[in-house]
Amino acid sequence: MMKTLLVRGMLAGLIAGVLAFGFAYAFGEPSVNAAIGLEESGGHSHSHDASAPAAPSSEEEELVPRDIQSTLGLLTGVLVYGVAIGGLLSLAFAFAQGRLGSLRPRVTALLLTAGAFTVVFLVPFLKYPANPPAVGRPGTIGSRTELYFGFVAVSLLAGIFATVFGRKLADRLGAWTGFLLAAAGYLAVIGVVAWLMPVVDEVPATFPASTLWSFRTASVGTQVTLWLALGLTFGAFAEKTLTRRTAVAA
């Protein structure tokens, strides 16, 4: 059963990845192209730090052509991400099914997906939102990446602990009270961590606000498309698999 669910989860992630790629290509790539065009035209600078490395000139040869980056490269990245998330979701589902009450497999899958989307993407995005090319100092890429993934790790761990303790509280105080206390505990922990972690604000003053807004909304839309499609597709797969297993056992 575990192997079957894992395969179904990865397949659901693949399907969700294809849909997310379509959204990202249609709505995200125009803002990426606009940002790259601004960088190449010298319409703004990365920062006012004179020690920052200079941006590469338009005459320098790209390692990977832009048309490959925006098509095959984007598709590959989104598919790998979708399959990986789908596999992890299936493992979490195998552990959670039956432990969250008498919920149908489809409902359990959707709840897990919504929770994972919140702690893995949405909350970290609110602290460190995505930026298009030409935004941010080149010399701080490493530190910014570490801060982001560090915050994701903290959010994920806090979410797991909140779920475990919320389940225990639900047995004593009821499902609704347990959920509210667990959510409040998660928000309290993540709020303190977000306050303690450094603020990153490297958007140049001359960068068009409309381009930044379009890129960030497209980033959120791509993630919503992927996670929603994943939850719905895997939920349907899990429902069918477990229903068939119950029928055979009977």
C-alpha atoms as a PDB file:
ATOM      1  CA  MET A   1       0.000   0.000   0.000  1.00  0.00           C
ATOM      2  CA  MET A   2       2.832   2.417   0.838  1.00  0.00           C
ATOM      3  CA  LYS A   3       4.426   1.800  -2.564  1.00  0.00           C
ATOM      4  CA  THR A   4       1.107   2.309  -4.315  1.00  0.00           C
ATOM      5  CA  LEU A   5       0.457   5.592  -2.518  1.00  0.00           C
ATOM      6  CA  LEU A   6       4.005   6.792  -3.246  1.00  0.00           C
ATOM      7  CA  VAL A   7       3.591   6.118  -6.968  1.00  0.00           C
ATOM      8  CA  ARG A   8       0.185   7.826  -6.959  1.00  0.00           C
ATOM      9  CA  GLY A   9       1.626  10.823  -5.124  1.00  0.00           C
ATOM     10  CA  MET A  10       4.489  11.221  -7.575  1.00  0.00           C
ATOM     11  CA  LEU A  11       2.089  10.874 -10.516  1.00  0.00           C
ATOM     12  CA  ALA A  12      -0.187  13.512  -8.987  1.00  0.00           C
ATOM     13  CA  GLY A  13       2.871  15.748  -8.536  1.00  0.00           C
ATOM     14  CA  LEU A  14       3.775  15.263 -12.191  1.00  0.00           C
ATOM     15  CA  ILE A  15       0.278  16.276 -13.314  1.00  0.00           C
ATOM     16  CA  ALA A  16       0.298  19.265 -10.967  1.00  0.00           C
ATOM     17  CA  GLY A  17       3.736  20.252 -12.262  1.00  0.00           C
ATOM     18  CA  VAL A  18       2.504  20.363 -15.849  1.00  0.00           C
ATOM     19  CA  LEU A  19      -0.390  22.631 -14.864  1.00  0.00           C
ATOM     20  CA  ALA A  20       1.877  24.854 -12.763  1.00  0.00           C
ATOM     21  CA  PHE A  21       4.324  25.159 -15.659  1.00  0.00           C
ATOM     22  CA  GLY A  22       1.504  26.343 -17.921  1.00  0.00           C
ATOM     23  CA  PHE A  23       0.534  29.019 -15.397  1.00  0.00           C
ATOM     24  CA  ALA A  24       4.128  30.101 -14.779  1.00  0.00           C
ATOM     25  CA  TYR A  25       4.877  30.336 -18.491  1.00  0.00           C
ATOM     26  CA  ALA A  26       1.722  32.296 -19.291  1.00  0.00           C
ATOM     27  CA  PHE A  27       1.719  34.696 -16.356  1.00  0.00           C
ATOM     28  CA  GLY A  28       5.219  34.648 -14.851  1.00  0.00           C
ATOM     29  CA  GLU A  29       7.526  34.785 -17.846  1.00  0.00           C
ATOM     30  CA  PRO A  30       6.327  38.200 -19.123  1.00  0.00           C
ATOM     31  CA  SER A  31       7.401  39.872 -15.861  1.00  0.00           C
ATOM     32  CA  VAL A  32      10.703  37.955 -15.894  1.00  0.00           C
ATOM     33  CA  ASN A  33      11.378  39.146 -19.440  1.00  0.00           C
ATOM     34  CA  ALA A  34      10.494  42.705 -18.429  1.00  0.00           C
ATOM     35  CA  ALA A  35      12.925  42.565 -15.488  1.00  0.00           C
ATOM     36  CA  ILE A  36      15.711  41.163 -17.656  1.00  0.00           C
ATOM     37  CA  GLY A  37      15.068  43.866 -20.235  1.00  0.00           C
ATOM     38  CA  LEU A  38      15.416  46.539 -17.551  1.00  0.00           C
ATOM     39  CA  GLU A  39      18.668  45.004 -16.353  1.00  0.00           C
ATOM     40  CA  GLU A  40      20.148  44.807 -19.832  1.00  0.00           C
ATOM     41  CA  SER A  41      19.104  48.352 -20.691  1.00  0.00           C
ATOM     42  CA  GLY A  42      20.606  49.709 -17.473  1.00  0.00           C
ATOM     43  CA  GLY A  43      17.241  51.092 -16.446  1.00  0.00           C
ATOM     44  CA  HIS A  44      18.138  50.655 -12.794  1.00  0.00           C
ATOM     45  CA  SER A  45      20.941  49.430 -10.622  1.00  0.00           C
ATOM     46  CA  HIS A  46      21.050  46.513  -8.222  1.00  0.00           C
ATOM     47  CA  SER A  47      21.901  48.758  -5.298  1.00  0.00           C
ATOM     48  CA  HIS A  48      23.875  51.776  -4.264  1.00  0.00           C
ATOM     49  CA  ASP A  49      26.710  49.612  -2.942  1.00  0.00           C
ATOM     50  CA  ALA A  50      29.759  50.514  -4.980  1.00  0.00           C
ATOM     51  CA  SER A  51      31.445  47.266  -3.968  1.00  0.00           C
ATOM     52  CA  ALA A  52      28.735  45.122  -5.561  1.00  0.00           C
ATOM     53  CA  PRO A  53      29.865  43.205  -8.669  1.00  0.00           C
ATOM     54  CA  ALA A  54      28.881  44.799 -11.919  1.00  0.00           C
ATOM     55  CA  ALA A  55      26.055  43.250 -13.894  1.00  0.00           C
ATOM     56  CA  PRO A  56      27.194  41.235 -16.919  1.00  0.00           C
ATOM     57  CA  SER A  57      27.052  43.094 -20.166  1.00  0.00           C
ATOM     58  CA  SER A  58      24.586  42.094 -22.854  1.00  0.00           C
ATOM     59  CA  GLU A  59      27.500  40.995 -25.021  1.00  0.00           C
ATOM     60  CA  GLU A  60      28.532  38.235 -22.610  1.00  0.00           C
ATOM     61  CA  GLU A  61      27.433  34.815 -23.795  1.00  0.00           C
ATOM     62  CA  GLU A  62      24.761  33.143 -21.693  1.00  0.00           C
ATOM     63  CA  LEU A  63      25.526  29.662 -20.423  1.00  0.00           C
ATOM     64  CA  VAL A  64      21.913  28.653 -21.099  1.00  0.00           C
ATOM     65  CA  PRO A  65      19.928  30.579 -23.748  1.00  0.00           C
ATOM     66  CA  ARG A  66      16.941  32.475 -22.451  1.00  0.00           C
ATOM     67  CA  ASP A  67      14.468  30.561 -24.630  1.00  0.00           C
ATOM     68  CA  ILE A  68      15.684  27.289 -23.091  1.00  0.00           C
ATOM     69  CA  GLN A  69      15.484  28.723 -19.568  1.00  0.00           C
ATOM     70  CA  SER A  70      11.889  29.842 -20.059  1.00  0.00           C
ATOM     71  CA  THR A  71      10.686  26.562 -21.594  1.00  0.00           C
ATOM     72  CA  LEU A  72      12.618  23.347 -21.021  1.00  0.00           C
ATOM     73  CA  GLY A  73      14.466  24.653 -17.973  1.00  0.00           C
ATOM     74  CA  LEU A  74      11.297  25.950 -16.329  1.00  0.00           C
ATOM     75  CA  LEU A  75       9.379  22.770 -17.162  1.00  0.00           C
ATOM     76  CA  THR A  76      12.112  20.531 -15.753  1.00  0.00           C
ATOM     77  CA  GLY A  77      12.389  22.491 -12.530  1.00  0.00           C
ATOM     78  CA  VAL A  78       8.645  22.588 -11.910  1.00  0.00           C
ATOM     79  CA  LEU A  79       8.191  18.888 -12.716  1.00  0.00           C
ATOM     80  CA  VAL A  80      11.006  17.806 -10.396  1.00  0.00           C
ATOM     81  CA  TYR A  81       9.572  20.001  -7.639  1.00  0.00           C
ATOM     82  CA  GLY A  82       6.057  18.664  -8.201  1.00  0.00           C
ATOM     83  CA  VAL A  83       7.116  15.008  -8.183  1.00  0.00           C
ATOM     84  CA  ALA A  84       9.187  15.488  -5.024  1.00  0.00           C
ATOM     85  CA  ILE A  85       6.371  17.275  -3.194  1.00  0.00           C
ATOM     86  CA  GLY A  86       3.889  14.649  -4.385  1.00  0.00           C
ATOM     87  CA  GLY A  87       6.056  11.844  -3.014  1.00  0.00           C
ATOM     88  CA  LEU A  88       6.431  13.565   0.359  1.00  0.00           C
ATOM     89  CA  LEU A  89       2.696  14.268   0.495  1.00  0.00           C
ATOM     90  CA  SER A  90       1.920  10.586  -0.082  1.00  0.00           C
ATOM     91  CA  LEU A  91       4.202   9.602   2.816  1.00  0.00           C
ATOM     92  CA  ALA A  92       2.563  12.171   5.092  1.00  0.00           C
ATOM     93  CA  PHE A  93      -0.840  10.910   4.004  1.00  0.00           C
ATOM     94  CA  ALA A  94       0.066   7.303   4.792  1.00  0.00           C
ATOM     95  CA  PHE A  95       0.983   8.398   8.322  1.00  0.00           C
ATOM     96  CA  ALA A  96      -1.977  10.736   8.871  1.00  0.00           C
ATOM     97  CA  GLN A  97      -4.835   8.706   7.415  1.00  0.00           C
ATOM     98  CA  GLY A  98      -6.976   7.460  10.298  1.00  0.00           C
ATOM     99  CA  ARG A  99      -5.147   9.602  12.858  1.00  0.00           C
ATOM    100  CA  LEU A 100      -7.100  12.777  12.075  1.00  0.00           C
ATOM    101  CA  GLY A 101     -10.462  11.252  12.840  1.00  0.00           C
ATOM    102  CA  SER A 102     -12.872   9.454  10.549  1.00  0.00           C
ATOM    103  CA  LEU A 103     -12.142  11.615   7.526  1.00  0.00           C
ATOM    104  CA  ARG A 104     -12.422  10.409   3.976  1.00  0.00           C
ATOM    105  CA  PRO A 105      -9.063   9.955   2.211  1.00  0.00           C
ATOM    106  CA  ARG A 106      -9.874  12.823  -0.156  1.00  0.00           C
ATOM    107  CA  VAL A 107     -10.492  15.203   2.771  1.00  0.00           C
ATOM    108  CA  THR A 108      -7.335  14.083   4.574  1.00  0.00           C
ATOM    109  CA  ALA A 109      -5.271  14.694   1.432  1.00  0.00           C
ATOM    110  CA  LEU A 110      -6.729  18.183   0.975  1.00  0.00           C
ATOM    111  CA  LEU A 111      -6.125  19.119   4.620  1.00  0.00           C
ATOM    112  CA  LEU A 112      -2.521  17.928   4.436  1.00  0.00           C
ATOM    113  CA  THR A 113      -1.971  19.805   1.187  1.00  0.00           C
ATOM    114  CA  ALA A 114      -3.454  23.024   2.579  1.00  0.00           C
ATOM    115  CA  GLY A 115      -1.317  22.757   5.711  1.00  0.00           C
ATOM    116  CA  ALA A 116       1.850  21.999   3.769  1.00  0.00           C
ATOM    117  CA  PHE A 117       1.196  24.873   1.351  1.00  0.00           C
ATOM    118  CA  THR A 118       0.811  27.238   4.290  1.00  0.00           C
ATOM    119  CA  VAL A 119       3.931  26.266   6.232  1.00  0.00           C
ATOM    120  CA  VAL A 120       6.229  25.446   3.295  1.00  0.00           C
ATOM    121  CA  PHE A 121       5.368  28.292   0.923  1.00  0.00           C
ATOM    122  CA  LEU A 122       2.858  30.898   2.096  1.00  0.00           C
ATOM    123  CA  VAL A 123       4.326  31.834   5.493  1.00  0.00           C
ATOM    124  CA  PRO A 124       7.964  31.938   4.242  1.00  0.00           C
ATOM    125  CA  PHE A 125       6.798  33.968   1.234  1.00  0.00           C
ATOM    126  CA  LEU A 126       5.290  36.592   3.532  1.00  0.00           C
ATOM    127  CA  LYS A 127       8.674  37.026   5.228  1.00  0.00           C
ATOM    128  CA  TYR A 128      10.913  36.659   2.178  1.00  0.00           C
ATOM    129  CA  PRO A 129       8.850  37.212  -0.997  1.00  0.00           C
ATOM    130  CA  ALA A 130      10.179  36.146  -4.374  1.00  0.00           C
ATOM    131  CA  ASN A 131      11.980  38.717  -6.507  1.00  0.00           C
ATOM    132  CA  PRO A 132      12.485  38.802 -10.278  1.00  0.00           C
ATOM    133  CA  PRO A 133      15.899  38.950 -11.954  1.00  0.00           C
ATOM    134  CA  ALA A 134      17.865  42.185 -11.450  1.00  0.00           C
ATOM    135  CA  VAL A 135      16.519  42.615  -7.910  1.00  0.00           C
ATOM    136  CA  GLY A 136      18.956  42.103  -5.059  1.00  0.00           C
ATOM    137  CA  ARG A 137      22.710  42.479  -4.727  1.00  0.00           C
ATOM    138  CA  PRO A 138      24.608  39.676  -6.511  1.00  0.00           C
ATOM    139  CA  GLY A 139      26.937  39.339  -3.541  1.00  0.00           C
ATOM    140  CA  THR A 140      24.110  38.483  -1.136  1.00  0.00           C
ATOM    141  CA  ILE A 141      22.525  35.648  -3.127  1.00  0.00           C
ATOM    142  CA  GLY A 142      24.022  33.005  -0.843  1.00  0.00           C
ATOM    143  CA  SER A 143      22.975  34.651   2.401  1.00  0.00           C
ATOM    144  CA  ARG A 144      19.478  35.400   1.107  1.00  0.00           C
ATOM    145  CA  THR A 145      19.045  31.776   0.033  1.00  0.00           C
ATOM    146  CA  GLU A 146      20.191  30.542   3.441  1.00  0.00           C
ATOM    147  CA  LEU A 147      17.784  32.858   5.235  1.00  0.00           C
ATOM    148  CA  TYR A 148      14.873  31.728   3.098  1.00  0.00           C
ATOM    149  CA  PHE A 149      15.442  27.997   3.455  1.00  0.00           C
ATOM    150  CA  GLY A 150      16.234  28.429   7.138  1.00  0.00           C
ATOM    151  CA  PHE A 151      12.874  30.101   7.624  1.00  0.00           C
ATOM    152  CA  VAL A 152      11.157  27.334   5.623  1.00  0.00           C
ATOM    153  CA  ALA A 153      12.763  24.729   7.901  1.00  0.00           C
ATOM    154  CA  VAL A 154      11.621  26.547  11.047  1.00  0.00           C
ATOM    155  CA  SER A 155       8.096  26.958   9.673  1.00  0.00           C
ATOM    156  CA  LEU A 156       7.916  23.275   8.723  1.00  0.00           C
ATOM    157  CA  LEU A 157       9.144  22.077  12.123  1.00  0.00           C
ATOM    158  CA  ALA A 158       6.767  24.433  13.926  1.00  0.00           C
ATOM    159  CA  GLY A 159       3.925  23.159  11.752  1.00  0.00           C
ATOM    160  CA  ILE A 160       4.743  19.512  12.529  1.00  0.00           C
ATOM    161  CA  PHE A 161       4.924  20.153  16.278  1.00  0.00           C
ATOM    162  CA  ALA A 162       1.685  22.151  16.156  1.00  0.00           C
ATOM    163  CA  THR A 163      -0.043  19.252  14.382  1.00  0.00           C
ATOM    164  CA  VAL A 164       1.192  16.668  16.885  1.00  0.00           C
ATOM    165  CA  PHE A 165       0.254  18.717  19.944  1.00  0.00           C
ATOM    166  CA  GLY A 166      -2.994  19.843  18.345  1.00  0.00           C
ATOM    167  CA  ARG A 167      -4.015  16.207  17.914  1.00  0.00           C
ATOM    168  CA  LYS A 168      -3.305  15.529  21.603  1.00  0.00           C
ATOM    169  CA  LEU A 169      -5.203  18.624  22.663  1.00  0.00           C
ATOM    170  CA  ALA A 170      -8.125  17.597  20.464  1.00  0.00           C
ATOM    171  CA  ASP A 171      -8.472  14.336  22.395  1.00  0.00           C
ATOM    172  CA  ARG A 172      -8.808  16.291  25.656  1.00  0.00           C
ATOM    173  CA  LEU A 173     -10.512  19.537  24.664  1.00  0.00           C
ATOM    174  CA  GLY A 174     -12.256  18.766  21.401  1.00  0.00           C
ATOM    175  CA  ALA A 175     -11.233  19.078  17.769  1.00  0.00           C
ATOM    176  CA  TRP A 176     -12.054  22.779  17.334  1.00  0.00           C
ATOM    177  CA  THR A 177     -10.331  23.905  20.538  1.00  0.00           C
ATOM    178  CA  GLY A 178      -7.301  21.740  19.789  1.00  0.00           C
ATOM    179  CA  PHE A 179      -7.025  23.211  16.295  1.00  0.00           C
ATOM    180  CA  LEU A 180      -7.286  26.799  17.543  1.00  0.00           C
ATOM    181  CA  LEU A 181      -4.656  26.291  20.248  1.00  0.00           C
ATOM    182  CA  ALA A 182      -2.289  24.535  17.843  1.00  0.00           C
ATOM    183  CA  ALA A 183      -2.725  27.299  15.236  1.00  0.00           C
ATOM    184  CA  ALA A 184      -2.160  29.970  17.879  1.00  0.00           C
ATOM    185  CA  GLY A 185       0.998  28.229  19.066  1.00  0.00           C
ATOM    186  CA  TYR A 186       2.329  27.971  15.507  1.00  0.00           C
ATOM    187  CA  LEU A 187       1.606  31.634  14.793  1.00  0.00           C
ATOM    188  CA  ALA A 188       3.257  32.700  18.046  1.00  0.00           C
ATOM    189  CA  VAL A 189       6.447  30.738  17.340  1.00  0.00           C
ATOM    190  CA  ILE A 190       6.706  31.737  13.703  1.00  0.00           C
ATOM    191  CA  GLY A 191       5.925  35.372  14.556  1.00  0.00           C
ATOM    192  CA  VAL A 192       8.807  35.547  17.026  1.00  0.00           C
ATOM    193  CA  VAL A 193      11.184  33.844  14.579  1.00  0.00           C
ATOM    194  CA  ALA A 194      10.134  36.181  11.754  1.00  0.00           C
ATOM    195  CA  TRP A 195      10.741  39.178  14.021  1.00  0.00           C
ATOM    196  CA  LEU A 196      14.196  37.936  15.015  1.00  0.00           C
ATOM    197  CA  MET A 197      15.386  37.023  11.505  1.00  0.00           C
ATOM    198  CA  PRO A 198      16.956  39.769   9.368  1.00  0.00           C
ATOM    199  CA  VAL A 199      14.880  41.847   6.987  1.00  0.00           C
ATOM    200  CA  VAL A 200      15.926  41.658   3.328  1.00  0.00           C
ATOM    201  CA  ASP A 201      14.964  44.701   1.259  1.00  0.00           C
ATOM    202  CA  GLU A 202      17.133  45.067  -1.824  1.00  0.00           C
ATOM    203  CA  VAL A 203      14.540  46.188  -4.372  1.00  0.00           C
ATOM    204  CA  PRO A 204      15.991  49.208  -6.195  1.00  0.00           C
ATOM    205  CA  ALA A 205      13.972  52.386  -5.843  1.00  0.00           C
ATOM    206  CA  THR A 206      13.804  52.698  -9.633  1.00  0.00           C
ATOM    207  CA  PHE A 207      12.428  49.184 -10.199  1.00  0.00           C
ATOM    208  CA  PRO A 208       8.852  49.378 -11.577  1.00  0.00           C
ATOM    209  CA  ALA A 209       6.333  48.451  -8.897  1.00  0.00           C
ATOM    210  CA  SER A 210       3.980  46.959 -11.486  1.00  0.00           C
ATOM    211  CA  THR A 211       6.638  44.511 -12.697  1.00  0.00           C
ATOM    212  CA  LEU A 212       7.467  43.478  -9.130  1.00  0.00           C
ATOM    213  CA  TRP A 213       3.782  43.024  -8.318  1.00  0.00           C
ATOM    214  CA  SER A 214       3.152  40.990 -11.470  1.00  0.00           C
ATOM    215  CA  PHE A 215       6.098  38.703 -10.731  1.00  0.00           C
ATOM    216  CA  ARG A 216       5.107  38.073  -7.120  1.00  0.00           C
ATOM    217  CA  THR A 217       1.443  37.464  -7.887  1.00  0.00           C
ATOM    218  CA  ALA A 218       2.482  35.066 -10.660  1.00  0.00           C
ATOM    219  CA  SER A 219       4.773  33.271  -8.198  1.00  0.00           C
ATOM    220  CA  VAL A 220       1.906  32.854  -5.742  1.00  0.00           C
ATOM    221  CA  GLY A 221      -0.442  31.797  -8.534  1.00  0.00           C
ATOM    222  CA  THR A 222       2.008  29.156  -9.747  1.00  0.00           C
ATOM    223  CA  GLN A 223       2.313  27.695  -6.262  1.00  0.00           C
ATOM    224  CA  VAL A 224      -1.452  27.775  -5.693  1.00  0.00           C
ATOM    225  CA  THR A 225      -1.976  25.988  -9.011  1.00  0.00           C
ATOM    226  CA  LEU A 226       0.579  23.317  -8.167  1.00  0.00           C
ATOM    227  CA  TRP A 227      -0.578  22.635  -4.603  1.00  0.00           C
ATOM    228  CA  LEU A 228      -4.293  22.766  -5.419  1.00  0.00           C
ATOM    229  CA  ALA A 229      -3.913  20.428  -8.392  1.00  0.00           C
ATOM    230  CA  LEU A 230      -1.735  18.137  -6.276  1.00  0.00           C
ATOM    231  CA  GLY A 231      -4.246  17.966  -3.419  1.00  0.00           C
ATOM    232  CA  LEU A 232      -7.225  17.342  -5.683  1.00  0.00           C
ATOM    233  CA  THR A 233      -5.471  14.782  -7.880  1.00  0.00           C
ATOM    234  CA  PHE A 234      -3.794  12.845  -5.086  1.00  0.00           C
ATOM    235  CA  GLY A 235      -6.996  12.979  -3.053  1.00  0.00           C
ATOM    236  CA  ALA A 236      -8.870  11.315  -5.902  1.00  0.00           C
ATOM    237  CA  PHE A 237      -6.121   8.702  -6.318  1.00  0.00           C
ATOM    238  CA  ALA A 238      -5.999   7.965  -2.580  1.00  0.00           C
ATOM    239  CA  GLU A 239      -9.788   7.713  -2.325  1.00  0.00           C
ATOM    240  CA  LYS A 240      -9.925   5.220  -5.164  1.00  0.00           C
ATOM    241  CA  THR A 241      -6.975   3.188  -3.845  1.00  0.00           C
ATOM    242  CA  LEU A 242      -8.227   2.902  -0.279  1.00  0.00           C
ATOM    243  CA  THR A 243     -11.836   2.278  -1.331  1.00  0.00           C
ATOM    244  CA  ARG A 244     -10.678  -0.561  -3.552  1.00  0.00           C
ATOM    245  CA  ARG A 245      -8.561  -1.983  -0.730  1.00  0.00           C
ATOM    246  CA  THR A 246     -11.535  -1.874   1.660  1.00  0.00           C
ATOM    247  CA  ALA A 247     -13.749  -3.625  -0.886  1.00  0.00           C
ATOM    248  CA  VAL A 248     -11.160  -6.387  -1.411  1.00  0.00           C
ATOM    249  CA  ALA A 249     -10.703  -6.851   2.339  1.00  0.00           C
ATOM    250  CA  ALA A 250     -14.454  -7.162   2.795  1.00  0.00           C
END
